[in-house]
Amino acid sequence: MHMSRRLGIAVFCMVPAIIGGGILYGIFGSYVPVAVFEMILGFFAIGFFSK
């Protein structure tokens, strides 16, 4: 996989992580749901990188 594609996937996963993490923290007021959400997105990104 080319480096430009890997960077694109990283950006694709980082934007929802930042925005979604802020939304989840605003709703729940705790970092636990944010951490779970970040791990799910991390596994999603690792799945793309492994192909």
Protein backbone atom coordinates (compact mmCIF):
# COMPACT_ATOMS: atom_id res chain seq x y z
CA MET A 1 0.00 0.00 0.00
CA HIS A 2 1.36 3.40 -0.93
CA MET A 3 2.23 5.94 1.73
CA SER A 4 -0.28 8.47 0.39
CA ARG A 5 -3.10 5.96 0.80
CA ARG A 6 -2.00 5.18 4.36
CA LEU A 7 -1.98 8.87 5.21
CA GLY A 8 -5.44 9.27 3.70
CA ILE A 9 -6.77 6.42 5.82
CA ALA A 10 -5.16 7.91 8.92
CA VAL A 11 -6.82 11.27 8.27
CA PHE A 12 -10.12 9.50 7.55
CA CYS A 13 -9.93 7.86 10.99
CA MET A 14 -8.52 10.84 12.91
CA VAL A 15 -11.26 13.32 12.00
CA PRO A 16 -14.12 11.17 13.40
CA ALA A 17 -11.95 10.38 16.43
CA ILE A 18 -11.50 14.05 17.30
CA ILE A 19 -15.07 15.15 16.57
CA GLY A 20 -16.74 12.01 17.90
CA GLY A 21 -14.58 12.01 21.01
CA GLY A 22 -15.64 15.55 21.81
CA ILE A 23 -19.30 14.73 21.24
CA LEU A 24 -19.10 11.64 23.44
CA TYR A 25 -17.35 13.56 26.21
CA GLY A 26 -20.02 16.26 25.99
CA ILE A 27 -22.81 13.70 26.29
CA PHE A 28 -21.37 11.42 28.97
CA GLY A 29 -18.93 13.74 30.76
CA SER A 30 -16.40 10.94 31.11
CA TYR A 31 -13.38 9.74 29.19
CA VAL A 32 -14.34 6.04 29.37
CA PRO A 33 -16.77 6.14 26.40
CA VAL A 34 -14.24 8.27 24.52
CA ALA A 35 -11.53 5.66 25.09
CA VAL A 36 -13.83 2.86 23.89
CA PHE A 37 -14.73 4.86 20.78
CA GLU A 38 -11.04 5.57 20.09
CA MET A 39 -10.18 1.87 20.41
CA ILE A 40 -12.96 0.90 17.98
CA LEU A 41 -11.68 3.42 15.45
CA GLY A 42 -8.14 2.20 16.05
CA PHE A 43 -9.11 -1.38 15.24
CA PHE A 44 -10.91 -0.12 12.14
CA ALA A 45 -7.76 1.70 11.00
CA ILE A 46 -5.55 -1.31 11.72
CA GLY A 47 -7.90 -3.43 9.61
CA PHE A 48 -7.39 -1.07 6.68
CA PHE A 49 -3.62 -0.93 7.14
CA SER A 50 -3.27 -4.71 7.26
CA LYS A 51 -4.71 -5.15 3.77
